[in-house]
Amino acid sequence: MGLMKSFERLLGHDWGVHPADHKRPAADQPVRKLPLPPRVHLMLQQHVGAAARPIVLVGQKVKKGELIAAAQGNISAPLHASTSGTITAIGEITAPHSSGLPGMAISIDSDGEDAWMETDVPDSPFTLSPADIAERVAQAGIVGLGGATFPSSVKLNLGRRSGIDTLIVNGSECEPYLSCDDRLMRDKADDIVSGIRLMLISTGAKVAKVGIEDNKPEAIATMQKAVAGFAEIVVVPVPARYPMGSDRQLIIELSGREVPSDARAADVGVIVHNVGTAYAVQQAVCLGRPLIGRLMTLNGGAAATPGNYEVLFGTLISDL
C-alpha cells in the first residue's frame, strides 16, 4: 500500500517538490530602477547557440539600443548596446558563470545620457505578417527569458512550420525565491497580452494558455483582467509546486499532452514562451526596442533590500 501511494503522489495531483515559499516581501515591493552603471560588459555569448560577432570598433560612440554584435548562424541572437557611450574594449573578461572561465565581451563606458537610438515603430503592429513579426523579434535579439535563453524567433518560426495549435505562456515561476515574473505580470499585464497576441499571429496558434501558480493571486487577477475581450487567450491558475515551470510539466498541466523524451513540444502541437519573453516581444514589435535588460529578483537572507530591479545587461554585481 505504501508503494502504491508513492506512485500516486508521483503520477497524481501531489507530484513535485513543495518548498517553503519565500517570494514575499520581494514580490510586493515596487520595481526599483538601478542607477546607471558607469560601465557595462556585454558578453557575446548571451544565449543558446553561436556567439554574436562584434561589428563595432574600440573608440566608437554608440546609442542605447544600437546593434553592436550580429547573430551568427541559424541559432544565434544579435547584441545591442544597453546604454549610450563609447566602446572601450572588445576582448576576454571573466565570464559571469560559476566556472570563472573567460569569455569575449564588448565593454561600453557610459556617457551618462542613456540616450536611445531612433527606433522603427510600425503603424499597425497587429497587421504585420507572421514572418515580419518573427524577423523583428530576431533583429531585437530576444531570447527565452524563462532561463533557457533560446533565440525566440527560431521558436516562433518553428511553431508556424510545425502547425501548432496551442501557445503556452509560462508565468508559473516555481522557484521559491524568484518573483520577477510575478511583478512583471502585475505591472505590465496589458503589454504582456499584446506580446501574446503578436506571438499567436507569428506562430499561427489558435489559443494561448497562460499558466500562473496559485500562490500569485495578484498576478492572476491582473492578467485575467487584461485578457478580458480576447477569447483566444485564457489565464489558467496551476498548483504551486516545483518544477511546474518546466515546459514539459506545464504542457501536461495545461494541455494534457505529453512530449516524448525524444521529441519537441512542437511535435505535439504546442510551443512554450515565458511571460517575460512576451513582454520583450511587445517592446520590440510595437516600440522598436531591442532586448537590453530585464527584471531581476534580489532576495534571500543576505539581501538588505529584497525586491525586483530593472537591470541593464552587462551591469556588474558590484554596481547593484
Protein backbone atom coordinates (compact mmCIF):
# COMPACT_ATOMS: atom_id res chain seq x y z
CA MET A 1 0.00 0.00 0.00
CA GLY A 2 2.84 2.36 0.84
CA LEU A 3 4.42 1.77 -2.58
CA MET A 4 1.13 2.40 -4.36
CA LYS A 5 0.66 5.69 -2.52
CA SER A 6 4.17 6.72 -3.53
CA PHE A 7 3.33 6.10 -7.19
CA GLU A 8 0.08 8.04 -6.82
CA ARG A 9 1.99 11.02 -5.43
CA LEU A 10 4.42 10.91 -8.36
CA LEU A 11 1.77 10.50 -11.05
CA GLY A 12 -1.24 12.22 -9.48
CA HIS A 13 -2.03 15.64 -8.10
CA ASP A 14 0.69 15.67 -5.45
CA TRP A 15 3.71 15.27 -7.73
CA GLY A 16 6.75 17.51 -7.44
CA VAL A 17 8.58 19.24 -4.61
CA HIS A 18 6.76 21.63 -2.27
CA PRO A 19 9.46 24.03 -0.96
CA ALA A 20 8.67 26.79 1.51
CA ASP A 21 7.54 29.99 -0.25
CA HIS A 22 9.96 32.91 0.16
CA LYS A 23 8.64 35.22 -2.57
CA ARG A 24 7.44 37.91 -0.20
CA PRO A 25 8.24 40.65 0.72
CA ALA A 26 10.26 41.00 -2.52
CA ALA A 27 7.20 40.35 -4.72
CA ASP A 28 5.20 43.09 -3.04
CA GLN A 29 7.79 45.86 -3.38
CA PRO A 30 7.51 48.33 -6.28
CA VAL A 31 10.07 47.73 -9.02
CA ARG A 32 13.27 49.66 -8.40
CA LYS A 33 15.45 51.10 -11.14
CA LEU A 34 19.18 50.93 -10.51
CA PRO A 35 21.39 53.98 -11.08
CA LEU A 36 23.02 54.00 -14.49
CA PRO A 37 26.25 51.94 -14.25
CA PRO A 38 29.48 53.71 -15.26
CA ARG A 39 30.44 50.78 -17.49
CA VAL A 40 28.75 47.69 -18.91
CA HIS A 41 30.40 44.48 -20.13
CA LEU A 42 28.21 42.73 -22.71
CA MET A 43 29.07 39.07 -23.21
CA LEU A 44 28.92 37.89 -26.81
CA GLN A 45 27.61 34.52 -25.61
CA GLN A 46 24.31 35.78 -24.19
CA HIS A 47 22.20 32.91 -25.46
CA VAL A 48 21.98 29.31 -26.65
CA GLY A 49 23.76 28.84 -29.99
CA ALA A 50 26.61 30.64 -31.72
CA ALA A 51 28.08 33.73 -30.05
CA ALA A 52 27.35 37.09 -31.64
CA ARG A 53 30.05 38.70 -33.84
CA PRO A 54 31.23 42.26 -32.96
CA ILE A 55 30.50 44.89 -35.61
CA VAL A 56 31.85 47.91 -33.69
CA LEU A 57 35.36 49.23 -33.01
CA VAL A 58 37.08 50.44 -29.86
CA GLY A 59 36.56 54.21 -29.57
CA GLN A 60 33.24 54.14 -31.42
CA LYS A 61 30.32 56.01 -29.87
CA VAL A 62 27.01 54.16 -29.68
CA LYS A 63 23.44 54.92 -28.68
CA LYS A 64 21.30 52.85 -26.35
CA GLY A 65 19.74 50.01 -28.35
CA GLU A 66 22.25 50.24 -31.19
CA LEU A 67 23.39 46.96 -32.76
CA ILE A 68 26.93 46.13 -31.63
CA ALA A 69 27.23 42.41 -32.49
CA ALA A 70 25.48 40.42 -35.21
CA ALA A 71 23.97 36.96 -34.99
CA GLN A 72 25.96 34.11 -36.49
CA GLY A 73 24.15 31.13 -37.98
CA ASN A 74 20.61 29.84 -37.59
CA ILE A 75 20.72 29.52 -33.79
CA SER A 76 22.09 32.84 -32.56
CA ALA A 77 20.95 36.31 -31.50
CA PRO A 78 22.33 39.82 -32.05
CA LEU A 79 23.53 42.05 -29.21
CA HIS A 80 22.68 45.70 -28.62
CA ALA A 81 24.18 48.46 -26.50
CA SER A 82 22.40 48.61 -23.14
CA THR A 83 23.29 52.29 -22.70
CA SER A 84 24.82 55.10 -24.73
CA GLY A 85 28.56 55.75 -24.54
CA THR A 86 31.90 54.72 -26.00
CA ILE A 87 33.21 51.26 -26.85
CA THR A 88 36.30 50.91 -24.65
CA ALA A 89 37.25 47.25 -25.12
CA ILE A 90 36.47 44.12 -27.13
CA GLY A 91 38.13 41.13 -25.55
CA GLU A 92 38.07 38.49 -22.86
CA ILE A 93 36.75 39.13 -19.36
CA THR A 94 35.87 36.75 -16.55
CA ALA A 95 32.50 35.33 -17.51
CA PRO A 96 29.50 35.67 -15.16
CA HIS A 97 29.48 31.89 -14.78
CA SER A 98 30.29 29.52 -11.96
CA SER A 99 33.25 28.19 -13.97
CA GLY A 100 35.04 31.54 -13.75
CA LEU A 101 36.35 30.97 -17.27
CA PRO A 102 37.00 33.95 -19.57
CA GLY A 103 34.59 34.96 -22.32
CA MET A 104 34.52 37.54 -25.08
CA ALA A 105 32.73 40.78 -24.27
CA ILE A 106 32.18 44.31 -25.54
CA SER A 107 32.71 46.99 -22.87
CA ILE A 108 30.96 50.36 -23.01
CA ASP A 109 31.77 53.38 -20.87
CA SER A 110 28.50 55.19 -20.25
CA ASP A 111 28.23 58.83 -21.27
CA GLY A 112 25.60 59.38 -18.57
CA GLU A 113 22.92 60.35 -21.09
CA ASP A 114 21.38 56.88 -21.60
CA ALA A 115 20.19 58.18 -24.98
CA TRP A 116 18.14 55.85 -27.19
CA MET A 117 18.78 55.39 -30.87
CA GLU A 118 15.95 56.18 -33.30
CA THR A 119 13.56 53.24 -33.38
CA ASP A 120 11.47 51.72 -36.15
CA VAL A 121 7.85 51.70 -34.97
CA PRO A 122 5.22 50.12 -37.26
CA ASP A 123 1.91 51.93 -37.74
CA SER A 124 -0.16 48.78 -37.14
CA PRO A 125 1.84 46.06 -35.32
CA PHE A 126 -1.05 43.58 -35.30
CA THR A 127 -1.42 43.68 -39.09
CA LEU A 128 2.19 42.63 -39.67
CA SER A 129 2.72 39.26 -41.32
CA PRO A 130 3.80 36.27 -39.20
CA ALA A 131 7.22 36.35 -40.88
CA ASP A 132 7.61 40.10 -40.25
CA ILE A 133 6.88 39.68 -36.54
CA ALA A 134 9.41 36.85 -36.24
CA GLU A 135 12.02 38.91 -38.11
CA ARG A 136 11.55 41.91 -35.81
CA VAL A 137 11.92 39.59 -32.81
CA ALA A 138 15.11 38.20 -34.34
CA GLN A 139 16.55 41.66 -35.01
CA ALA A 140 15.76 42.69 -31.43
CA GLY A 141 17.91 39.86 -30.05
CA ILE A 142 15.08 38.40 -27.98
CA VAL A 143 15.81 35.09 -26.29
CA GLY A 144 13.80 33.00 -23.85
CA LEU A 145 13.63 34.90 -20.57
CA GLY A 146 12.49 31.94 -18.51
CA GLY A 147 16.12 30.88 -18.24
CA ALA A 148 16.74 28.81 -21.37
CA THR A 149 17.87 31.84 -23.46
CA PHE A 150 16.95 30.09 -26.73
CA PRO A 151 16.53 32.59 -29.61
CA SER A 152 12.80 33.32 -29.61
CA SER A 153 12.40 33.94 -33.34
CA VAL A 154 13.55 30.38 -34.04
CA LYS A 155 10.74 29.04 -31.86
CA LEU A 156 8.19 31.35 -33.48
CA ASN A 157 9.16 30.14 -36.95
CA LEU A 158 9.26 26.51 -35.78
CA GLY A 159 5.75 26.80 -34.38
CA ARG A 160 4.42 28.11 -37.68
CA ARG A 161 6.18 25.41 -39.73
CA SER A 162 5.02 22.68 -37.34
CA GLY A 163 1.37 23.69 -37.46
CA ILE A 164 0.95 24.11 -33.70
CA ASP A 165 -2.48 24.89 -32.29
CA THR A 166 -1.61 26.00 -28.74
CA LEU A 167 0.74 28.63 -27.36
CA ILE A 168 1.53 28.11 -23.70
CA VAL A 169 2.77 31.17 -21.84
CA ASN A 170 4.78 30.29 -18.76
CA GLY A 171 4.03 32.52 -15.78
CA SER A 172 4.34 29.78 -13.20
CA GLU A 173 7.71 30.92 -11.75
CA CYS A 174 8.02 27.93 -9.43
CA GLU A 175 11.40 28.81 -7.86
CA PRO A 176 10.66 29.72 -4.21
CA TYR A 177 12.65 32.99 -4.07
CA LEU A 178 12.03 34.48 -7.53
CA SER A 179 9.22 36.95 -8.19
CA CYS A 180 10.28 38.99 -11.24
CA ASP A 181 7.67 37.33 -13.49
CA ASP A 182 5.04 37.82 -10.79
CA ARG A 183 5.91 41.53 -10.55
CA LEU A 184 6.01 41.89 -14.35
CA MET A 185 2.52 40.40 -14.68
CA ARG A 186 1.18 42.74 -12.01
CA ASP A 187 2.73 45.85 -13.58
CA LYS A 188 2.77 45.15 -17.34
CA ALA A 189 -0.18 42.85 -17.94
CA ASP A 190 -1.56 44.76 -20.95
CA ASP A 191 1.85 44.80 -22.65
CA ILE A 192 2.31 41.08 -21.97
CA VAL A 193 -1.08 40.37 -23.53
CA SER A 194 -0.09 42.41 -26.59
CA GLY A 195 3.06 40.31 -26.86
CA ILE A 196 0.99 37.13 -26.61
CA ARG A 197 -1.30 38.35 -29.39
CA LEU A 198 1.74 39.01 -31.59
CA MET A 199 3.12 35.54 -30.85
CA LEU A 200 -0.25 33.99 -31.74
CA ILE A 201 -0.10 35.72 -35.11
CA SER A 202 3.51 34.70 -35.68
CA THR A 203 3.07 31.04 -34.71
CA GLY A 204 -0.38 30.51 -36.16
CA ALA A 205 -1.64 29.07 -32.87
CA LYS A 206 -5.38 29.35 -32.25
CA VAL A 207 -5.30 29.65 -28.47
CA ALA A 208 -2.88 30.84 -25.78
CA LYS A 209 -2.97 29.47 -22.24
CA VAL A 210 -1.19 31.47 -19.55
CA GLY A 211 -0.20 29.22 -16.65
CA ILE A 212 0.31 31.01 -13.31
CA GLU A 213 0.90 29.25 -10.00
CA ASP A 214 -1.88 29.79 -7.48
CA ASN A 215 0.49 31.44 -4.97
CA LYS A 216 0.37 34.60 -7.16
CA PRO A 217 -3.24 35.77 -6.74
CA GLU A 218 -2.46 39.38 -7.64
CA ALA A 219 -0.81 38.38 -10.92
CA ILE A 220 -3.67 36.01 -11.75
CA ALA A 221 -6.28 38.72 -11.17
CA THR A 222 -4.36 41.35 -13.15
CA MET A 223 -3.75 39.04 -16.10
CA GLN A 224 -7.38 37.85 -16.12
CA LYS A 225 -8.50 41.47 -16.34
CA ALA A 226 -6.02 42.14 -19.17
CA VAL A 227 -7.18 39.17 -21.30
CA ALA A 228 -10.86 40.10 -20.99
CA GLY A 229 -12.15 40.62 -24.53
CA PHE A 230 -9.56 38.28 -26.09
CA ALA A 231 -11.32 34.94 -26.27
CA GLU A 232 -8.23 33.26 -27.71
CA ILE A 233 -6.21 33.93 -24.52
CA VAL A 234 -7.05 32.28 -21.21
CA VAL A 235 -5.37 32.52 -17.81
CA VAL A 236 -5.15 29.18 -16.00
CA PRO A 237 -4.14 29.00 -12.32
CA VAL A 238 -1.97 25.93 -11.67
CA PRO A 239 -0.85 24.35 -8.37
CA ALA A 240 2.27 25.84 -6.77
CA ARG A 241 4.98 23.18 -6.83
CA TYR A 242 8.43 22.63 -8.25
CA PRO A 243 9.13 22.11 -11.18
CA MET A 244 5.84 23.45 -12.55
CA GLY A 245 7.91 25.97 -14.52
CA SER A 246 9.47 23.17 -16.57
CA ASP A 247 7.95 23.32 -20.03
CA ARG A 248 7.07 19.62 -20.17
CA GLN A 249 5.30 19.64 -16.83
CA LEU A 250 3.39 22.80 -17.76
CA ILE A 251 2.39 21.32 -21.13
CA ILE A 252 0.86 18.30 -19.39
CA GLU A 253 -0.90 20.51 -16.84
CA LEU A 254 -2.41 22.91 -19.40
CA SER A 255 -2.97 20.71 -22.45
CA GLY A 256 -2.99 17.13 -21.20
CA ARG A 257 -0.37 16.29 -23.82
CA GLU A 258 2.91 14.54 -23.02
CA VAL A 259 6.03 15.35 -25.02
CA PRO A 260 8.02 12.16 -25.73
CA SER A 261 11.60 12.18 -24.44
CA ASP A 262 12.99 12.23 -27.99
CA ALA A 263 10.61 14.92 -29.30
CA ARG A 264 9.99 18.67 -29.08
CA ALA A 265 6.93 20.46 -27.79
CA ALA A 266 6.04 21.49 -31.35
CA ASP A 267 5.74 17.79 -32.25
CA VAL A 268 2.61 17.58 -30.07
CA GLY A 269 1.16 20.87 -31.38
CA VAL A 270 2.39 23.13 -28.59
CA ILE A 271 5.05 25.80 -28.14
CA VAL A 272 6.05 27.47 -24.86
CA HIS A 273 7.25 31.04 -24.20
CA ASN A 274 7.81 32.87 -20.91
CA VAL A 275 5.76 35.92 -19.86
CA GLY A 276 8.98 37.97 -19.85
CA THR A 277 9.57 36.94 -23.45
CA ALA A 278 6.02 38.04 -24.35
CA TYR A 279 6.72 41.46 -22.82
CA ALA A 280 10.01 41.71 -24.75
CA VAL A 281 8.18 40.83 -27.99
CA GLN A 282 5.72 43.67 -27.38
CA GLN A 283 8.56 46.11 -26.70
CA ALA A 284 10.40 45.04 -29.86
CA VAL A 285 7.49 44.92 -32.31
CA CYS A 286 5.35 47.79 -31.02
CA LEU A 287 8.11 50.17 -29.82
CA GLY A 288 11.16 49.06 -31.82
CA ARG A 289 13.18 48.43 -28.65
CA PRO A 290 15.66 45.53 -28.62
CA LEU A 291 16.32 43.37 -25.58
CA ILE A 292 18.89 45.22 -23.45
CA GLY A 293 17.89 44.34 -19.90
CA ARG A 294 15.37 42.59 -17.71
CA LEU A 295 13.72 42.50 -14.30
CA MET A 296 15.85 40.63 -11.76
CA THR A 297 14.91 39.46 -8.27
CA LEU A 298 17.27 40.16 -5.37
CA ASN A 299 16.03 38.11 -2.45
CA GLY A 300 17.08 35.96 0.48
CA GLY A 301 18.55 36.41 3.91
CA ALA A 302 21.62 38.25 2.61
CA ALA A 303 19.56 40.89 0.75
CA ALA A 304 19.25 44.15 2.70
CA THR A 305 16.52 45.43 0.35
CA PRO A 306 14.79 42.44 -1.26
CA GLY A 307 12.81 43.29 -4.35
CA ASN A 308 12.78 43.34 -8.13
CA TYR A 309 15.12 45.61 -10.05
CA GLU A 310 15.38 46.84 -13.64
CA VAL A 311 18.89 45.75 -14.62
CA LEU A 312 20.69 46.61 -17.86
CA PHE A 313 22.61 43.77 -19.47
CA GLY A 314 26.30 43.99 -18.70
CA THR A 315 25.87 45.54 -15.23
CA LEU A 316 28.44 44.38 -12.68
CA ILE A 317 27.16 42.81 -9.48
CA SER A 318 29.30 45.35 -7.63
CA ASP A 319 27.13 48.09 -9.16
CA LEU A 320 23.87 46.61 -7.86
